[in-house]
Each structure stands twice: as C-alpha cells, then as structure tokens.
Amino acid sequence: MAYSFYRNSLAIWLSNALVKPLWILWIDRSIQNQVGPEAYGGYYQWFNLSLLLAVLLDGGMANYWNQRIASGTFRQGEM
C-alpha cells in the first residue's frame, strides 16, 4: 500500500511540474495580453479575495464533514 501511495504521489507531482510552467508561461500570459493589465489585475484581486475568504470562512468545516462522513454517522441528504 505504501508503494502505491508513493508511486501515485510521484505521478501527481510530476504532472504538476509539467503543467504549471505551461500554464504560467503560455496560457496565463496570453490571457493577460488579451484582456489588458487593468482587467486582469481586477480579476486577480477578486480571485485572491475569494481564496482568502474561503480559507477564513472554512473554520474547520471541511475537517468536521470529513470526520462525520468517515465515521459512518452521516446520512445522505443531511447537509
């Protein structure tokens, strides 16, 4: 089991290492050039604010629901 975990982790890490440079240098940069610096800056500002609020508002809810679902006391449709 540990072998497959490490193998899968390595596969995810390698795919991430291949995709991120392509995304940053090719796709993201072409979008920045098309929409202009003001529009992209505004988008980036709101995107970062939404990520910050998602982290702050989570407040342990993800951990709570993971434990609840894993314990078997969760009934579908309860959320």
PDB file of N, CA and C in Angstrom:
ATOM      1  N   MET A   1       0.820  -1.185   0.000  1.00  0.00           N
ATOM      2  CA  MET A   1       0.000   0.000   0.000  1.00  0.00           C
ATOM      3  C   MET A   1       0.866   1.252   0.000  1.00  0.00           C
ATOM      4  N   ALA A   2       1.931   1.245   0.786  1.00  0.00           N
ATOM      5  CA  ALA A   2       2.800   2.415   0.837  1.00  0.00           C
ATOM      6  C   ALA A   2       3.472   2.642  -0.513  1.00  0.00           C
ATOM      7  N   TYR A   3       3.794   1.542  -1.206  1.00  0.00           N
ATOM      8  CA  TYR A   3       4.440   1.681  -2.512  1.00  0.00           C
ATOM      9  C   TYR A   3       3.520   2.385  -3.500  1.00  0.00           C
ATOM     10  N   SER A   4       2.258   1.981  -3.543  1.00  0.00           N
ATOM     11  CA  SER A   4       1.329   2.618  -4.482  1.00  0.00           C
ATOM     12  C   SER A   4       1.070   4.067  -4.096  1.00  0.00           C
ATOM     13  N   PHE A   5       1.072   4.364  -2.797  1.00  0.00           N
ATOM     14  CA  PHE A   5       0.900   5.754  -2.359  1.00  0.00           C
ATOM     15  C   PHE A   5       2.045   6.615  -2.868  1.00  0.00           C
ATOM     16  N   TYR A   6       3.279   6.146  -2.696  1.00  0.00           N
ATOM     17  CA  TYR A   6       4.436   6.924  -3.152  1.00  0.00           C
ATOM     18  C   TYR A   6       4.481   7.014  -4.676  1.00  0.00           C
ATOM     19  N   ARG A   7       4.109   5.945  -5.345  1.00  0.00           N
ATOM     20  CA  ARG A   7       4.092   5.970  -6.803  1.00  0.00           C
ATOM     21  C   ARG A   7       3.048   6.960  -7.319  1.00  0.00           C
ATOM     22  N   ASN A   8       1.865   6.947  -6.744  1.00  0.00           N
ATOM     23  CA  ASN A   8       0.823   7.887  -7.142  1.00  0.00           C
ATOM     24  C   ASN A   8       1.196   9.320  -6.782  1.00  0.00           C
ATOM     25  N   SER A   9       1.826   9.505  -5.634  1.00  0.00           N
ATOM     26  CA  SER A   9       2.272  10.848  -5.247  1.00  0.00           C
ATOM     27  C   SER A   9       3.315  11.372  -6.221  1.00  0.00           C
ATOM     28  N   LEU A  10       4.215  10.515  -6.644  1.00  0.00           N
ATOM     29  CA  LEU A  10       5.228  10.923  -7.614  1.00  0.00           C
ATOM     30  C   LEU A  10       4.589  11.262  -8.956  1.00  0.00           C
ATOM     31  N   ALA A  11       3.610  10.488  -9.379  1.00  0.00           N
ATOM     32  CA  ALA A  11       2.923  10.769 -10.645  1.00  0.00           C
ATOM     33  C   ALA A  11       2.195  12.102 -10.587  1.00  0.00           C
ATOM     34  N   ILE A  12       1.544  12.391  -9.483  1.00  0.00           N
ATOM     35  CA  ILE A  12       0.858  13.679  -9.336  1.00  0.00           C
ATOM     36  C   ILE A  12       1.864  14.814  -9.322  1.00  0.00           C
ATOM     37  N   TRP A  13       2.959  14.636  -8.604  1.00  0.00           N
ATOM     38  CA  TRP A  13       3.979  15.683  -8.537  1.00  0.00           C
ATOM     39  C   TRP A  13       4.589  15.950  -9.915  1.00  0.00           C
ATOM     40  N   LEU A  14       4.887  14.893 -10.660  1.00  0.00           N
ATOM     41  CA  LEU A  14       5.468  15.073 -11.994  1.00  0.00           C
ATOM     42  C   LEU A  14       4.493  15.747 -12.954  1.00  0.00           C
ATOM     43  N   SER A  15       3.230  15.349 -12.916  1.00  0.00           N
ATOM     44  CA  SER A  15       2.257  16.004 -13.797  1.00  0.00           C
ATOM     45  C   SER A  15       2.072  17.465 -13.413  1.00  0.00           C
ATOM     46  N   ASN A  16       2.120  17.758 -12.139  1.00  0.00           N
ATOM     47  CA  ASN A  16       2.035  19.139 -11.676  1.00  0.00           C
ATOM     48  C   ASN A  16       3.252  19.935 -12.141  1.00  0.00           C
ATOM     49  N   ALA A  17       4.427  19.330 -12.080  1.00  0.00           N
ATOM     50  CA  ALA A  17       5.650  20.008 -12.513  1.00  0.00           C
ATOM     51  C   ALA A  17       5.653  20.260 -14.017  1.00  0.00           C
ATOM     52  N   LEU A  18       4.944  19.445 -14.780  1.00  0.00           N
ATOM     53  CA  LEU A  18       4.859  19.661 -16.225  1.00  0.00           C
ATOM     54  C   LEU A  18       3.788  20.679 -16.600  1.00  0.00           C
ATOM     55  N   VAL A  19       2.676  20.660 -15.909  1.00  0.00           N
ATOM     56  CA  VAL A  19       1.546  21.504 -16.288  1.00  0.00           C
ATOM     57  C   VAL A  19       1.717  22.947 -15.827  1.00  0.00           C
ATOM     58  N   LYS A  20       2.233  23.161 -14.630  1.00  0.00           N
ATOM     59  CA  LYS A  20       2.309  24.527 -14.104  1.00  0.00           C
ATOM     60  C   LYS A  20       3.156  25.471 -14.943  1.00  0.00           C
ATOM     61  N   PRO A  21       4.343  25.091 -15.388  1.00  0.00           N
ATOM     62  CA  PRO A  21       5.091  26.030 -16.243  1.00  0.00           C
ATOM     63  C   PRO A  21       4.357  26.350 -17.538  1.00  0.00           C
ATOM     64  N   LEU A  22       3.696  25.357 -18.130  1.00  0.00           N
ATOM     65  CA  LEU A  22       2.920  25.620 -19.341  1.00  0.00           C
ATOM     66  C   LEU A  22       1.784  26.594 -19.061  1.00  0.00           C
ATOM     67  N   TRP A  23       1.116  26.400 -17.950  1.00  0.00           N
ATOM     68  CA  TRP A  23       0.004  27.278 -17.604  1.00  0.00           C
ATOM     69  C   TRP A  23       0.490  28.707 -17.368  1.00  0.00           C
ATOM     70  N   ILE A  24       1.541  28.854 -16.574  1.00  0.00           N
ATOM     71  CA  ILE A  24       2.018  30.193 -16.214  1.00  0.00           C
ATOM     72  C   ILE A  24       2.617  30.906 -17.411  1.00  0.00           C
ATOM     73  N   LEU A  25       3.452  30.223 -18.175  1.00  0.00           N
ATOM     74  CA  LEU A  25       4.183  30.891 -19.248  1.00  0.00           C
ATOM     75  C   LEU A  25       3.403  30.993 -20.552  1.00  0.00           C
ATOM     76  N   TRP A  26       2.426  30.138 -20.771  1.00  0.00           N
ATOM     77  CA  TRP A  26       1.751  30.144 -22.061  1.00  0.00           C
ATOM     78  C   TRP A  26       0.296  30.596 -21.945  1.00  0.00           C
ATOM     79  N   ILE A  27      -0.511  29.878 -21.206  1.00  0.00           N
ATOM     80  CA  ILE A  27      -1.944  30.163 -21.162  1.00  0.00           C
ATOM     81  C   ILE A  27      -2.230  31.438 -20.374  1.00  0.00           C
ATOM     82  N   ASP A  28      -1.715  31.525 -19.163  1.00  0.00           N
ATOM     83  CA  ASP A  28      -1.995  32.677 -18.318  1.00  0.00           C
ATOM     84  C   ASP A  28      -1.445  33.960 -18.928  1.00  0.00           C
ATOM     85  N   ARG A  29      -0.270  33.883 -19.499  1.00  0.00           N
ATOM     86  CA  ARG A  29       0.332  35.073 -20.106  1.00  0.00           C
ATOM     87  C   ARG A  29      -0.445  35.537 -21.335  1.00  0.00           C
ATOM     88  N   SER A  30      -0.942  34.609 -22.139  1.00  0.00           N
ATOM     89  CA  SER A  30      -1.723  35.010 -23.317  1.00  0.00           C
ATOM     90  C   SER A  30      -3.044  35.655 -22.901  1.00  0.00           C
ATOM     91  N   ILE A  31      -3.660  35.177 -21.820  1.00  0.00           N
ATOM     92  CA  ILE A  31      -4.886  35.804 -21.321  1.00  0.00           C
ATOM     93  C   ILE A  31      -4.587  37.202 -20.804  1.00  0.00           C
ATOM     94  N   GLN A  32      -3.469  37.369 -20.105  1.00  0.00           N
ATOM     95  CA  GLN A  32      -3.082  38.695 -19.621  1.00  0.00           C
ATOM     96  C   GLN A  32      -2.900  39.659 -20.781  1.00  0.00           C
ATOM     97  N   ASN A  33      -2.288  39.212 -21.842  1.00  0.00           N
ATOM     98  CA  ASN A  33      -2.070  40.077 -23.001  1.00  0.00           C
ATOM     99  C   ASN A  33      -3.373  40.416 -23.712  1.00  0.00           C
ATOM    100  N   GLN A  34      -4.333  39.503 -23.733  1.00  0.00           N
ATOM    101  CA  GLN A  34      -5.594  39.743 -24.436  1.00  0.00           C
ATOM    102  C   GLN A  34      -6.508  40.704 -23.687  1.00  0.00           C
ATOM    103  N   VAL A  35      -6.636  40.553 -22.381  1.00  0.00           N
ATOM    104  CA  VAL A  35      -7.598  41.373 -21.636  1.00  0.00           C
ATOM    105  C   VAL A  35      -7.006  42.671 -21.117  1.00  0.00           C
ATOM    106  N   GLY A  36      -5.709  42.783 -21.057  1.00  0.00           N
ATOM    107  CA  GLY A  36      -5.082  44.009 -20.575  1.00  0.00           C
ATOM    108  C   GLY A  36      -4.781  43.951 -19.089  1.00  0.00           C
ATOM    109  N   PRO A  37      -3.857  44.817 -18.652  1.00  0.00           N
ATOM    110  CA  PRO A  37      -3.420  44.750 -17.255  1.00  0.00           C
ATOM    111  C   PRO A  37      -4.495  45.164 -16.244  1.00  0.00           C
ATOM    112  N   GLU A  38      -5.341  46.153 -16.584  1.00  0.00           N
ATOM    113  CA  GLU A  38      -6.350  46.588 -15.609  1.00  0.00           C
ATOM    114  C   GLU A  38      -7.399  45.507 -15.373  1.00  0.00           C
ATOM    115  N   ALA A  39      -7.902  44.923 -16.451  1.00  0.00           N
ATOM    116  CA  ALA A  39      -8.938  43.895 -16.315  1.00  0.00           C
ATOM    117  C   ALA A  39      -8.387  42.658 -15.618  1.00  0.00           C
ATOM    118  N   TYR A  40      -7.184  42.249 -15.987  1.00  0.00           N
ATOM    119  CA  TYR A  40      -6.620  41.052 -15.359  1.00  0.00           C
ATOM    120  C   TYR A  40      -6.270  41.327 -13.902  1.00  0.00           C
ATOM    121  N   GLY A  41      -5.794  42.528 -13.616  1.00  0.00           N
ATOM    122  CA  GLY A  41      -5.491  42.884 -12.227  1.00  0.00           C
ATOM    123  C   GLY A  41      -6.734  42.868 -11.362  1.00  0.00           C
ATOM    124  N   GLY A  42      -7.847  43.370 -11.907  1.00  0.00           N
ATOM    125  CA  GLY A  42      -9.103  43.333 -11.161  1.00  0.00           C
ATOM    126  C   GLY A  42      -9.576  41.914 -10.925  1.00  0.00           C
ATOM    127  N   TYR A  43      -9.465  41.084 -11.954  1.00  0.00           N
ATOM    128  CA  TYR A  43      -9.838  39.671 -11.804  1.00  0.00           C
ATOM    129  C   TYR A  43      -8.970  39.013 -10.744  1.00  0.00           C
ATOM    130  N   TYR A  44      -7.674  39.256 -10.803  1.00  0.00           N
ATOM    131  CA  TYR A  44      -6.747  38.625  -9.874  1.00  0.00           C
ATOM    132  C   TYR A  44      -7.010  39.085  -8.444  1.00  0.00           C
ATOM    133  N   GLN A  45      -7.355  40.359  -8.291  1.00  0.00           N
ATOM    134  CA  GLN A  45      -7.664  40.898  -6.969  1.00  0.00           C
ATOM    135  C   GLN A  45      -8.885  40.197  -6.371  1.00  0.00           C
ATOM    136  N   TRP A  46      -9.962  40.069  -7.140  1.00  0.00           N
ATOM    137  CA  TRP A  46     -11.168  39.415  -6.645  1.00  0.00           C
ATOM    138  C   TRP A  46     -10.957  37.921  -6.427  1.00  0.00           C
ATOM    139  N   PHE A  47     -10.164  37.308  -7.275  1.00  0.00           N
ATOM    140  CA  PHE A  47      -9.864  35.881  -7.118  1.00  0.00           C
ATOM    141  C   PHE A  47      -9.109  35.627  -5.817  1.00  0.00           C
ATOM    142  N   ASN A  48      -8.100  36.447  -5.526  1.00  0.00           N
ATOM    143  CA  ASN A  48      -7.345  36.286  -4.285  1.00  0.00           C
ATOM    144  C   ASN A  48      -8.206  36.559  -3.065  1.00  0.00           C
ATOM    145  N   LEU A  49      -9.100  37.545  -3.153  1.00  0.00           N
ATOM    146  CA  LEU A  49     -10.007  37.813  -2.045  1.00  0.00           C
ATOM    147  C   LEU A  49     -10.923  36.617  -1.796  1.00  0.00           C
ATOM    148  N   SER A  50     -11.417  36.005  -2.853  1.00  0.00           N
ATOM    149  CA  SER A  50     -12.294  34.845  -2.679  1.00  0.00           C
ATOM    150  C   SER A  50     -11.544  33.664  -2.060  1.00  0.00           C
ATOM    151  N   LEU A  51     -10.283  33.470  -2.441  1.00  0.00           N
ATOM    152  CA  LEU A  51      -9.497  32.398  -1.821  1.00  0.00           C
ATOM    153  C   LEU A  51      -9.251  32.673  -0.344  1.00  0.00           C
ATOM    154  N   LEU A  52      -8.942  33.921  -0.022  1.00  0.00           N
ATOM    155  CA  LEU A  52      -8.717  34.295   1.373  1.00  0.00           C
ATOM    156  C   LEU A  52      -9.981  34.086   2.197  1.00  0.00           C
ATOM    157  N   LEU A  53     -11.121  34.514   1.679  1.00  0.00           N
ATOM    158  CA  LEU A  53     -12.378  34.327   2.401  1.00  0.00           C
ATOM    159  C   LEU A  53     -12.741  32.851   2.529  1.00  0.00           C
ATOM    160  N   ALA A  54     -12.439  32.064   1.527  1.00  0.00           N
ATOM    161  CA  ALA A  54     -12.724  30.628   1.611  1.00  0.00           C
ATOM    162  C   ALA A  54     -11.931  29.984   2.741  1.00  0.00           C
ATOM    163  N   VAL A  55     -10.685  30.390   2.906  1.00  0.00           N
ATOM    164  CA  VAL A  55      -9.859  29.844   3.988  1.00  0.00           C
ATOM    165  C   VAL A  55     -10.372  30.324   5.337  1.00  0.00           C
ATOM    166  N   LEU A  56     -10.696  31.611   5.430  1.00  0.00           N
ATOM    167  CA  LEU A  56     -11.158  32.160   6.705  1.00  0.00           C
ATOM    168  C   LEU A  56     -12.536  31.634   7.107  1.00  0.00           C
ATOM    169  N   LEU A  57     -13.425  31.471   6.147  1.00  0.00           N
ATOM    170  CA  LEU A  57     -14.780  31.047   6.462  1.00  0.00           C
ATOM    171  C   LEU A  57     -14.908  29.540   6.656  1.00  0.00           C
ATOM    172  N   ASP A  58     -13.897  28.790   6.254  1.00  0.00           N
ATOM    173  CA  ASP A  58     -13.961  27.340   6.415  1.00  0.00           C
ATOM    174  C   ASP A  58     -14.064  26.994   7.894  1.00  0.00           C
ATOM    175  N   GLY A  59     -13.175  27.519   8.695  1.00  0.00           N
ATOM    176  CA  GLY A  59     -13.254  27.367  10.141  1.00  0.00           C
ATOM    177  C   GLY A  59     -13.363  25.938  10.631  1.00  0.00           C
ATOM    178  N   GLY A  60     -12.774  25.001   9.958  1.00  0.00           N
ATOM    179  CA  GLY A  60     -12.809  23.615  10.387  1.00  0.00           C
ATOM    180  C   GLY A  60     -13.981  22.819   9.849  1.00  0.00           C
ATOM    181  N   MET A  61     -14.804  23.426   8.999  1.00  0.00           N
ATOM    182  CA  MET A  61     -15.969  22.705   8.478  1.00  0.00           C
ATOM    183  C   MET A  61     -15.562  21.519   7.605  1.00  0.00           C
ATOM    184  N   ALA A  62     -14.498  21.677   6.820  1.00  0.00           N
ATOM    185  CA  ALA A  62     -14.053  20.566   5.978  1.00  0.00           C
ATOM    186  C   ALA A  62     -13.616  19.388   6.846  1.00  0.00           C
ATOM    187  N   ASN A  63     -12.880  19.676   7.907  1.00  0.00           N
ATOM    188  CA  ASN A  63     -12.443  18.620   8.815  1.00  0.00           C
ATOM    189  C   ASN A  63     -13.641  17.971   9.501  1.00  0.00           C
ATOM    190  N   TYR A  64     -14.603  18.774   9.920  1.00  0.00           N
ATOM    191  CA  TYR A  64     -15.806  18.247  10.571  1.00  0.00           C
ATOM    192  C   TYR A  64     -16.557  17.289   9.655  1.00  0.00           C
ATOM    193  N   TRP A  65     -16.791  17.704   8.410  1.00  0.00           N
ATOM    194  CA  TRP A  65     -17.553  16.854   7.498  1.00  0.00           C
ATOM    195  C   TRP A  65     -16.767  15.618   7.092  1.00  0.00           C
ATOM    196  N   ASN A  66     -15.453  15.739   6.961  1.00  0.00           N
ATOM    197  CA  ASN A  66     -14.644  14.550   6.658  1.00  0.00           C
ATOM    198  C   ASN A  66     -14.746  13.528   7.775  1.00  0.00           C
ATOM    199  N   GLN A  67     -14.655  13.975   9.017  1.00  0.00           N
ATOM    200  CA  GLN A  67     -14.769  13.058  10.148  1.00  0.00           C
ATOM    201  C   GLN A  67     -16.168  12.458  10.226  1.00  0.00           C
ATOM    202  N   ARG A  68     -17.157  13.276   9.993  1.00  0.00           N
ATOM    203  CA  ARG A  68     -18.546  12.820  10.089  1.00  0.00           C
ATOM    204  C   ARG A  68     -18.853  11.774   9.024  1.00  0.00           C
ATOM    205  N   ILE A  69     -18.421  12.019   7.814  1.00  0.00           N
ATOM    206  CA  ILE A  69     -18.679  11.070   6.732  1.00  0.00           C
ATOM    207  C   ILE A  69     -17.895   9.781   6.950  1.00  0.00           C
ATOM    208  N   ALA A  70     -16.636   9.900   7.403  1.00  0.00           N
ATOM    209  CA  ALA A  70     -15.805   8.717   7.612  1.00  0.00           C
ATOM    210  C   ALA A  70     -16.295   7.871   8.787  1.00  0.00           C
ATOM    211  N   SER A  71     -16.930   8.493   9.770  1.00  0.00           N
ATOM    212  CA  SER A  71     -17.382   7.739  10.939  1.00  0.00           C
ATOM    213  C   SER A  71     -18.620   6.893  10.651  1.00  0.00           C
ATOM    214  N   GLY A  72     -19.321   7.202   9.573  1.00  0.00           N
ATOM    215  CA  GLY A  72     -20.489   6.416   9.213  1.00  0.00           C
ATOM    216  C   GLY A  72     -21.779   6.933   9.823  1.00  0.00           C
ATOM    217  N   THR A  73     -21.730   8.053  10.557  1.00  0.00           N
ATOM    218  CA  THR A  73     -22.945   8.602  11.158  1.00  0.00           C
ATOM    219  C   THR A  73     -23.643   9.596  10.241  1.00  0.00           C
ATOM    220  N   PHE A  74     -23.104   9.803   9.093  1.00  0.00           N
ATOM    221  CA  PHE A  74     -23.661  10.767   8.139  1.00  0.00           C
ATOM    222  C   PHE A  74     -24.704  10.087   7.267  1.00  0.00           C
ATOM    223  N   ARG A  75     -25.866  10.701   7.154  1.00  0.00           N
ATOM    224  CA  ARG A  75     -26.915  10.196   6.268  1.00  0.00           C
ATOM    225  C   ARG A  75     -26.988  11.105   5.053  1.00  0.00           C
ATOM    226  N   GLN A  76     -27.134  10.510   3.889  1.00  0.00           N
ATOM    227  CA  GLN A  76     -27.188  11.283   2.655  1.00  0.00           C
ATOM    228  C   GLN A  76     -28.398  12.211   2.680  1.00  0.00           C
ATOM    229  N   GLY A  77     -28.181  13.448   2.236  1.00  0.00           N
ATOM    230  CA  GLY A  77     -29.234  14.447   2.243  1.00  0.00           C
ATOM    231  C   GLY A  77     -29.272  15.252   3.530  1.00  0.00           C
ATOM    232  N   GLU A  78     -28.349  14.986   4.451  1.00  0.00           N
ATOM    233  CA  GLU A  78     -28.336  15.658   5.743  1.00  0.00           C
ATOM    234  C   GLU A  78     -27.755  17.064   5.670  1.00  0.00           C
ATOM    235  N   MET A  79     -26.912  17.308   4.705  1.00  0.00           N
ATOM    236  CA  MET A  79     -26.293  18.625   4.613  1.00  0.00           C
ATOM    237  C   MET A  79     -27.359  19.608   4.239  1.00  0.00           C
TER     238      MET A  79
END
